[in-house]
Amino acid sequence: MRAANASDFEAIRALIHAVKINPTGLDWRRFIVAVDGQDKIIGCGQIKAHRDGSYELASIAVVPEWRGRGVARAIMDRLISSHHGRFYLTCRSGLRPFYEKFGFSVAQRETLTPYFRHLLALVRLVEVTGLVYEGLLGMVREAEEDTQ
């Protein structure tokens, strides 16, 4: 596990596109990457800061041949330990149990920041068109001091 560098950007972008998650806001300076013994990227993730003051855990992706080996868990642990405030994320509804293991819960609309209210409204619109095959959730993880 290491901080990404500029030469990692193309591999990060290719992985994000390959796993079909949101490709907007990819800035290599916010990413950490999991690498194999030859320093090849096998997973990634980032924390995005939004203008409304919210933070988003985003772009968690692992190459298929490395799934089920704890790579995503290691990325999540590293990102969460680097930030002690509240986090938001959006995910496919089928991933809810995975994120709940890290203290995330489904966010109620009235508790969302403006960015995430807008994002989820757009998601609902896209779901109505039938272009999304699995529902998306907005989730939140409270700051450590808020959960004690």
N, C-alpha and C. Protein backbone atom coordinates (compact mmCIF):
# COMPACT_ATOMS: atom_id res chain seq x y z
N MET A 1 0.86 -1.17 0.00
CA MET A 1 0.00 0.00 0.00
C MET A 1 0.90 1.23 0.00
N ARG A 2 0.56 2.18 -0.87
CA ARG A 2 1.36 3.41 -0.92
C ARG A 2 0.52 4.54 -1.49
N ALA A 3 1.00 5.75 -1.31
CA ALA A 3 0.36 6.90 -1.94
C ALA A 3 0.60 6.81 -3.44
N ALA A 4 -0.40 7.19 -4.20
CA ALA A 4 -0.25 7.19 -5.66
C ALA A 4 0.70 8.29 -6.09
N ASN A 5 1.28 8.13 -7.27
CA ASN A 5 2.09 9.19 -7.86
C ASN A 5 1.58 9.44 -9.28
N ALA A 6 2.09 10.47 -9.91
CA ALA A 6 1.59 10.89 -11.22
C ALA A 6 1.65 9.76 -12.25
N SER A 7 2.67 8.93 -12.19
CA SER A 7 2.79 7.85 -13.17
C SER A 7 1.73 6.76 -12.98
N ASP A 8 1.00 6.77 -11.86
CA ASP A 8 -0.06 5.80 -11.60
C ASP A 8 -1.40 6.19 -12.22
N PHE A 9 -1.52 7.44 -12.67
CA PHE A 9 -2.83 7.94 -13.06
C PHE A 9 -3.52 7.09 -14.14
N GLU A 10 -2.82 6.72 -15.18
CA GLU A 10 -3.45 5.95 -16.25
C GLU A 10 -3.94 4.60 -15.75
N ALA A 11 -3.17 3.94 -14.89
CA ALA A 11 -3.59 2.65 -14.34
C ALA A 11 -4.80 2.81 -13.43
N ILE A 12 -4.84 3.88 -12.65
CA ILE A 12 -6.00 4.16 -11.79
C ILE A 12 -7.23 4.37 -12.65
N ARG A 13 -7.11 5.23 -13.65
CA ARG A 13 -8.24 5.52 -14.52
C ARG A 13 -8.73 4.26 -15.24
N ALA A 14 -7.82 3.45 -15.72
CA ALA A 14 -8.20 2.21 -16.40
C ALA A 14 -8.95 1.26 -15.46
N LEU A 15 -8.49 1.17 -14.22
CA LEU A 15 -9.16 0.30 -13.24
C LEU A 15 -10.56 0.81 -12.93
N ILE A 16 -10.70 2.11 -12.73
CA ILE A 16 -12.01 2.71 -12.44
C ILE A 16 -12.98 2.44 -13.59
N HIS A 17 -12.52 2.60 -14.80
CA HIS A 17 -13.38 2.33 -15.97
C HIS A 17 -13.70 0.84 -16.08
N ALA A 18 -12.73 -0.02 -15.80
CA ALA A 18 -12.94 -1.46 -15.91
C ALA A 18 -13.99 -1.97 -14.93
N VAL A 19 -14.03 -1.39 -13.73
CA VAL A 19 -15.02 -1.85 -12.74
C VAL A 19 -16.33 -1.06 -12.82
N LYS A 20 -16.39 -0.11 -13.75
CA LYS A 20 -17.61 0.64 -14.05
C LYS A 20 -18.15 1.42 -12.86
N ILE A 21 -17.25 2.18 -12.22
CA ILE A 21 -17.70 3.10 -11.18
C ILE A 21 -17.45 4.53 -11.64
N ASN A 22 -17.96 5.47 -10.90
CA ASN A 22 -17.93 6.88 -11.28
C ASN A 22 -16.50 7.33 -11.61
N PRO A 23 -16.26 7.74 -12.86
CA PRO A 23 -14.92 8.15 -13.25
C PRO A 23 -14.64 9.65 -13.08
N THR A 24 -15.57 10.40 -12.49
CA THR A 24 -15.33 11.83 -12.32
C THR A 24 -14.52 12.09 -11.05
N GLY A 25 -13.77 13.16 -11.08
CA GLY A 25 -13.01 13.56 -9.90
C GLY A 25 -11.81 12.69 -9.60
N LEU A 26 -11.21 12.13 -10.63
CA LEU A 26 -10.02 11.31 -10.41
C LEU A 26 -8.79 12.20 -10.37
N ASP A 27 -8.23 12.35 -9.21
CA ASP A 27 -7.01 13.14 -9.01
C ASP A 27 -6.01 12.25 -8.29
N TRP A 28 -4.97 11.85 -8.96
CA TRP A 28 -4.03 10.88 -8.40
C TRP A 28 -3.48 11.30 -7.04
N ARG A 29 -3.44 12.60 -6.76
CA ARG A 29 -2.87 13.08 -5.49
C ARG A 29 -3.70 12.68 -4.28
N ARG A 30 -4.97 12.31 -4.50
CA ARG A 30 -5.83 11.89 -3.39
C ARG A 30 -5.87 10.37 -3.20
N PHE A 31 -5.26 9.64 -4.10
CA PHE A 31 -5.38 8.18 -4.11
C PHE A 31 -4.30 7.49 -3.29
N ILE A 32 -4.69 6.36 -2.75
CA ILE A 32 -3.72 5.37 -2.30
C ILE A 32 -3.91 4.18 -3.24
N VAL A 33 -2.85 3.43 -3.42
CA VAL A 33 -2.92 2.26 -4.29
C VAL A 33 -2.36 1.05 -3.56
N ALA A 34 -2.96 -0.08 -3.84
CA ALA A 34 -2.43 -1.36 -3.39
C ALA A 34 -1.67 -1.91 -4.59
N VAL A 35 -0.49 -2.43 -4.34
CA VAL A 35 0.35 -2.93 -5.44
C VAL A 35 0.82 -4.35 -5.13
N ASP A 36 1.14 -5.08 -6.19
CA ASP A 36 1.69 -6.43 -6.02
C ASP A 36 3.20 -6.34 -5.87
N GLY A 37 3.88 -7.47 -5.88
CA GLY A 37 5.33 -7.51 -5.69
C GLY A 37 6.13 -6.82 -6.78
N GLN A 38 5.51 -6.60 -7.94
CA GLN A 38 6.18 -5.90 -9.03
C GLN A 38 5.72 -4.43 -9.14
N ASP A 39 5.07 -3.93 -8.10
CA ASP A 39 4.57 -2.56 -8.02
C ASP A 39 3.47 -2.28 -9.04
N LYS A 40 2.76 -3.32 -9.47
CA LYS A 40 1.62 -3.17 -10.37
C LYS A 40 0.38 -2.90 -9.51
N ILE A 41 -0.41 -1.93 -9.91
CA ILE A 41 -1.60 -1.56 -9.14
C ILE A 41 -2.64 -2.68 -9.21
N ILE A 42 -3.07 -3.11 -8.01
CA ILE A 42 -4.11 -4.14 -7.92
C ILE A 42 -5.39 -3.60 -7.27
N GLY A 43 -5.31 -2.38 -6.74
CA GLY A 43 -6.48 -1.76 -6.13
C GLY A 43 -6.20 -0.30 -5.83
N CYS A 44 -7.28 0.45 -5.59
CA CYS A 44 -7.11 1.88 -5.31
C CYS A 44 -8.31 2.41 -4.54
N GLY A 45 -8.15 3.62 -4.03
CA GLY A 45 -9.22 4.34 -3.37
C GLY A 45 -8.78 5.75 -3.07
N GLN A 46 -9.76 6.62 -2.81
CA GLN A 46 -9.44 8.03 -2.54
C GLN A 46 -10.44 8.62 -1.56
N ILE A 47 -10.08 9.77 -1.01
CA ILE A 47 -10.98 10.60 -0.23
C ILE A 47 -11.10 11.91 -0.97
N LYS A 48 -12.34 12.26 -1.35
CA LYS A 48 -12.58 13.51 -2.07
C LYS A 48 -13.22 14.51 -1.12
N ALA A 49 -12.70 15.72 -1.13
CA ALA A 49 -13.30 16.82 -0.37
C ALA A 49 -14.22 17.59 -1.32
N HIS A 50 -15.42 17.90 -0.84
CA HIS A 50 -16.38 18.65 -1.66
C HIS A 50 -16.52 20.07 -1.14
N ARG A 51 -17.00 20.96 -2.01
CA ARG A 51 -17.13 22.38 -1.67
C ARG A 51 -18.03 22.63 -0.46
N ASP A 52 -18.98 21.72 -0.22
CA ASP A 52 -19.89 21.93 0.91
C ASP A 52 -19.29 21.47 2.24
N GLY A 53 -18.01 21.06 2.22
CA GLY A 53 -17.33 20.66 3.44
C GLY A 53 -17.41 19.16 3.72
N SER A 54 -18.09 18.43 2.88
CA SER A 54 -18.21 16.99 3.09
C SER A 54 -17.03 16.25 2.48
N TYR A 55 -16.82 15.04 2.99
CA TYR A 55 -15.76 14.18 2.48
C TYR A 55 -16.38 12.89 1.99
N GLU A 56 -15.87 12.42 0.86
CA GLU A 56 -16.40 11.22 0.24
C GLU A 56 -15.31 10.17 0.11
N LEU A 57 -15.62 8.99 0.60
CA LEU A 57 -14.77 7.83 0.36
C LEU A 57 -15.18 7.33 -1.02
N ALA A 58 -14.25 7.28 -1.94
CA ALA A 58 -14.63 7.04 -3.34
C ALA A 58 -13.60 6.19 -4.07
N SER A 59 -14.03 5.69 -5.21
CA SER A 59 -13.15 5.01 -6.16
C SER A 59 -12.46 3.79 -5.58
N ILE A 60 -13.17 3.07 -4.70
CA ILE A 60 -12.61 1.83 -4.16
C ILE A 60 -12.76 0.76 -5.24
N ALA A 61 -11.63 0.27 -5.73
CA ALA A 61 -11.65 -0.70 -6.83
C ALA A 61 -10.50 -1.68 -6.67
N VAL A 62 -10.77 -2.92 -7.03
CA VAL A 62 -9.76 -3.98 -6.97
C VAL A 62 -9.85 -4.78 -8.27
N VAL A 63 -8.71 -5.11 -8.85
CA VAL A 63 -8.72 -5.90 -10.08
C VAL A 63 -9.32 -7.27 -9.77
N PRO A 64 -10.05 -7.85 -10.73
CA PRO A 64 -10.78 -9.10 -10.46
C PRO A 64 -9.94 -10.23 -9.87
N GLU A 65 -8.75 -10.42 -10.37
CA GLU A 65 -7.95 -11.55 -9.89
C GLU A 65 -7.44 -11.39 -8.45
N TRP A 66 -7.58 -10.21 -7.88
CA TRP A 66 -7.17 -9.97 -6.50
C TRP A 66 -8.35 -9.84 -5.54
N ARG A 67 -9.56 -9.95 -6.03
CA ARG A 67 -10.73 -9.84 -5.16
C ARG A 67 -10.82 -11.04 -4.23
N GLY A 68 -11.38 -10.78 -3.05
CA GLY A 68 -11.54 -11.84 -2.06
C GLY A 68 -10.29 -12.12 -1.25
N ARG A 69 -9.28 -11.28 -1.39
CA ARG A 69 -8.00 -11.48 -0.67
C ARG A 69 -7.73 -10.38 0.35
N GLY A 70 -8.71 -9.54 0.63
CA GLY A 70 -8.53 -8.51 1.64
C GLY A 70 -7.97 -7.20 1.13
N VAL A 71 -7.84 -7.05 -0.18
CA VAL A 71 -7.28 -5.81 -0.74
C VAL A 71 -8.21 -4.63 -0.48
N ALA A 72 -9.49 -4.79 -0.77
CA ALA A 72 -10.44 -3.69 -0.53
C ALA A 72 -10.49 -3.34 0.96
N ARG A 73 -10.47 -4.34 1.81
CA ARG A 73 -10.48 -4.09 3.26
C ARG A 73 -9.24 -3.28 3.67
N ALA A 74 -8.09 -3.63 3.15
CA ALA A 74 -6.86 -2.90 3.48
C ALA A 74 -6.94 -1.45 3.00
N ILE A 75 -7.48 -1.25 1.80
CA ILE A 75 -7.64 0.11 1.28
C ILE A 75 -8.58 0.90 2.18
N MET A 76 -9.72 0.31 2.52
CA MET A 76 -10.68 0.98 3.39
C MET A 76 -10.06 1.34 4.74
N ASP A 77 -9.38 0.37 5.35
CA ASP A 77 -8.75 0.63 6.65
C ASP A 77 -7.77 1.79 6.57
N ARG A 78 -6.98 1.82 5.51
CA ARG A 78 -5.98 2.88 5.35
C ARG A 78 -6.64 4.25 5.17
N LEU A 79 -7.66 4.31 4.33
CA LEU A 79 -8.34 5.59 4.09
C LEU A 79 -9.05 6.07 5.34
N ILE A 80 -9.76 5.19 6.01
CA ILE A 80 -10.50 5.57 7.22
C ILE A 80 -9.54 6.04 8.30
N SER A 81 -8.41 5.37 8.46
CA SER A 81 -7.47 5.76 9.50
C SER A 81 -6.80 7.10 9.21
N SER A 82 -6.84 7.55 7.95
CA SER A 82 -6.20 8.81 7.59
C SER A 82 -7.11 10.03 7.77
N HIS A 83 -8.38 9.78 8.11
CA HIS A 83 -9.34 10.89 8.23
C HIS A 83 -10.31 10.56 9.36
N HIS A 84 -10.43 11.45 10.32
CA HIS A 84 -11.24 11.15 11.49
C HIS A 84 -12.59 11.84 11.51
N GLY A 85 -12.97 12.47 10.42
CA GLY A 85 -14.27 13.13 10.36
C GLY A 85 -15.33 12.22 9.77
N ARG A 86 -16.46 12.81 9.48
CA ARG A 86 -17.58 12.10 8.85
C ARG A 86 -17.24 11.84 7.39
N PHE A 87 -17.60 10.66 6.90
CA PHE A 87 -17.43 10.27 5.50
C PHE A 87 -18.79 9.96 4.90
N TYR A 88 -18.92 10.22 3.63
CA TYR A 88 -20.07 9.77 2.85
C TYR A 88 -19.54 8.88 1.74
N LEU A 89 -20.41 8.08 1.18
CA LEU A 89 -20.07 7.33 -0.02
C LEU A 89 -21.36 6.97 -0.74
N THR A 90 -21.22 6.67 -2.00
CA THR A 90 -22.33 6.09 -2.75
C THR A 90 -21.84 4.74 -3.25
N CYS A 91 -22.75 3.78 -3.23
CA CYS A 91 -22.37 2.43 -3.64
C CYS A 91 -23.57 1.69 -4.21
N ARG A 92 -23.30 0.63 -4.92
CA ARG A 92 -24.36 -0.27 -5.36
C ARG A 92 -24.99 -0.89 -4.12
N SER A 93 -26.29 -1.05 -4.14
CA SER A 93 -26.99 -1.54 -2.95
C SER A 93 -26.47 -2.90 -2.49
N GLY A 94 -25.99 -3.70 -3.40
CA GLY A 94 -25.45 -5.01 -3.02
C GLY A 94 -24.18 -4.94 -2.19
N LEU A 95 -23.53 -3.79 -2.17
CA LEU A 95 -22.31 -3.62 -1.38
C LEU A 95 -22.58 -3.09 0.03
N ARG A 96 -23.83 -2.86 0.34
CA ARG A 96 -24.19 -2.34 1.67
C ARG A 96 -23.55 -3.14 2.81
N PRO A 97 -23.65 -4.48 2.83
CA PRO A 97 -23.05 -5.23 3.94
C PRO A 97 -21.54 -5.03 4.07
N PHE A 98 -20.86 -4.89 2.95
CA PHE A 98 -19.41 -4.66 3.00
C PHE A 98 -19.10 -3.35 3.72
N TYR A 99 -19.78 -2.28 3.33
CA TYR A 99 -19.50 -0.97 3.94
C TYR A 99 -20.00 -0.88 5.38
N GLU A 100 -21.03 -1.62 5.71
CA GLU A 100 -21.50 -1.63 7.10
C GLU A 100 -20.44 -2.19 8.04
N LYS A 101 -19.59 -3.08 7.56
CA LYS A 101 -18.50 -3.62 8.37
C LYS A 101 -17.53 -2.53 8.83
N PHE A 102 -17.51 -1.42 8.11
CA PHE A 102 -16.61 -0.31 8.42
C PHE A 102 -17.32 0.82 9.16
N GLY A 103 -18.54 0.57 9.61
CA GLY A 103 -19.29 1.56 10.37
C GLY A 103 -20.17 2.47 9.54
N PHE A 104 -20.33 2.20 8.27
CA PHE A 104 -21.22 3.01 7.44
C PHE A 104 -22.66 2.54 7.62
N SER A 105 -23.58 3.47 7.51
CA SER A 105 -25.01 3.14 7.53
C SER A 105 -25.70 3.94 6.43
N VAL A 106 -26.87 3.47 6.03
CA VAL A 106 -27.62 4.18 4.99
C VAL A 106 -27.97 5.56 5.52
N ALA A 107 -27.66 6.57 4.75
CA ALA A 107 -27.90 7.96 5.16
C ALA A 107 -29.35 8.34 4.85
N GLN A 108 -29.95 9.02 5.79
CA GLN A 108 -31.29 9.57 5.56
C GLN A 108 -31.15 10.86 4.77
N ARG A 109 -32.03 11.09 3.84
CA ARG A 109 -31.93 12.24 2.95
C ARG A 109 -31.75 13.55 3.71
N GLU A 110 -32.47 13.73 4.80
CA GLU A 110 -32.40 15.00 5.53
C GLU A 110 -31.07 15.21 6.23
N THR A 111 -30.25 14.17 6.37
CA THR A 111 -28.95 14.33 7.01
C THR A 111 -27.82 14.52 6.00
N LEU A 112 -28.14 14.43 4.73
CA LEU A 112 -27.12 14.56 3.69
C LEU A 112 -26.72 16.01 3.47
N THR A 113 -25.50 16.20 3.06
CA THR A 113 -25.02 17.53 2.68
C THR A 113 -25.61 17.87 1.30
N PRO A 114 -25.57 19.13 0.90
CA PRO A 114 -26.12 19.50 -0.41
C PRO A 114 -25.54 18.69 -1.57
N TYR A 115 -24.25 18.44 -1.56
CA TYR A 115 -23.64 17.67 -2.65
C TYR A 115 -24.29 16.30 -2.77
N PHE A 116 -24.42 15.60 -1.66
CA PHE A 116 -24.95 14.24 -1.71
C PHE A 116 -26.46 14.21 -1.95
N ARG A 117 -27.20 15.20 -1.51
CA ARG A 117 -28.63 15.27 -1.85
C ARG A 117 -28.79 15.42 -3.36
N HIS A 118 -27.98 16.29 -3.94
CA HIS A 118 -28.01 16.49 -5.40
C HIS A 118 -27.60 15.22 -6.13
N LEU A 119 -26.52 14.60 -5.69
CA LEU A 119 -26.03 13.39 -6.34
C LEU A 119 -27.08 12.28 -6.30
N LEU A 120 -27.69 12.07 -5.16
CA LEU A 120 -28.68 10.99 -5.06
C LEU A 120 -29.95 11.32 -5.83
N ALA A 121 -30.29 12.59 -5.95
CA ALA A 121 -31.43 12.96 -6.80
C ALA A 121 -31.13 12.61 -8.25
N LEU A 122 -29.91 12.85 -8.71
CA LEU A 122 -29.52 12.48 -10.07
C LEU A 122 -29.54 10.97 -10.25
N VAL A 123 -29.08 10.25 -9.24
CA VAL A 123 -29.08 8.79 -9.30
C VAL A 123 -30.50 8.28 -9.45
N ARG A 124 -31.42 8.83 -8.66
CA ARG A 124 -32.82 8.40 -8.74
C ARG A 124 -33.39 8.65 -10.14
N LEU A 125 -33.01 9.77 -10.73
CA LEU A 125 -33.45 10.08 -12.08
C LEU A 125 -32.94 9.05 -13.08
N VAL A 126 -31.67 8.68 -12.96
CA VAL A 126 -31.07 7.69 -13.85
C VAL A 126 -31.71 6.32 -13.62
N GLU A 127 -32.02 5.99 -12.37
CA GLU A 127 -32.66 4.70 -12.08
C GLU A 127 -34.02 4.59 -12.78
N VAL A 128 -34.74 5.70 -12.82
CA VAL A 128 -36.06 5.72 -13.47
C VAL A 128 -35.94 5.38 -14.96
N THR A 129 -34.83 5.77 -15.57
CA THR A 129 -34.64 5.50 -17.00
C THR A 129 -34.32 4.04 -17.28
N GLY A 130 -33.96 3.30 -16.24
CA GLY A 130 -33.61 1.89 -16.41
C GLY A 130 -32.18 1.66 -16.81
N LEU A 131 -31.36 2.71 -16.84
CA LEU A 131 -29.97 2.55 -17.24
C LEU A 131 -29.11 1.96 -16.13
N VAL A 132 -29.59 2.03 -14.89
CA VAL A 132 -28.86 1.47 -13.76
C VAL A 132 -29.51 0.15 -13.40
N TYR A 133 -28.72 -0.92 -13.36
CA TYR A 133 -29.28 -2.25 -13.12
C TYR A 133 -29.41 -2.58 -11.64
N GLU A 134 -28.73 -1.86 -10.79
CA GLU A 134 -28.78 -2.10 -9.36
C GLU A 134 -28.89 -0.76 -8.66
N GLY A 135 -29.78 -0.67 -7.70
CA GLY A 135 -29.96 0.58 -6.98
C GLY A 135 -28.68 1.07 -6.32
N LEU A 136 -28.57 2.37 -6.16
CA LEU A 136 -27.43 2.97 -5.49
C LEU A 136 -27.87 3.54 -4.15
N LEU A 137 -26.97 3.47 -3.18
CA LEU A 137 -27.23 3.97 -1.84
C LEU A 137 -26.28 5.11 -1.51
N GLY A 138 -26.76 6.03 -0.68
CA GLY A 138 -25.90 7.00 -0.03
C GLY A 138 -25.67 6.49 1.38
N MET A 139 -24.42 6.43 1.79
CA MET A 139 -24.10 5.94 3.13
C MET A 139 -23.23 6.95 3.85
N VAL A 140 -23.24 6.88 5.17
CA VAL A 140 -22.47 7.81 5.99
C VAL A 140 -21.77 7.03 7.10
N ARG A 141 -20.60 7.50 7.46
CA ARG A 141 -19.86 6.98 8.62
C ARG A 141 -19.56 8.20 9.47
N GLU A 142 -20.11 8.17 10.66
CA GLU A 142 -19.93 9.31 11.57
C GLU A 142 -18.49 9.40 12.04
N ALA A 143 -18.10 10.61 12.43
CA ALA A 143 -16.77 10.83 12.99
C ALA A 143 -16.63 9.99 14.26
N GLU A 144 -15.43 9.56 14.54
CA GLU A 144 -15.17 8.72 15.73
C GLU A 144 -15.75 9.34 16.99
N GLU A 145 -15.56 10.64 17.20
CA GLU A 145 -16.05 11.27 18.42
C GLU A 145 -17.58 11.31 18.46
N ASP A 146 -18.24 11.23 17.27
CA ASP A 146 -19.70 11.22 17.23
C ASP A 146 -20.28 9.86 17.56
N THR A 147 -19.47 8.79 17.45
CA THR A 147 -19.98 7.44 17.64
C THR A 147 -19.72 6.92 19.04
N GLN A 148 -19.05 7.67 19.87
CA GLN A 148 -18.73 7.17 21.22
C GLN A 148 -19.69 7.72 22.24
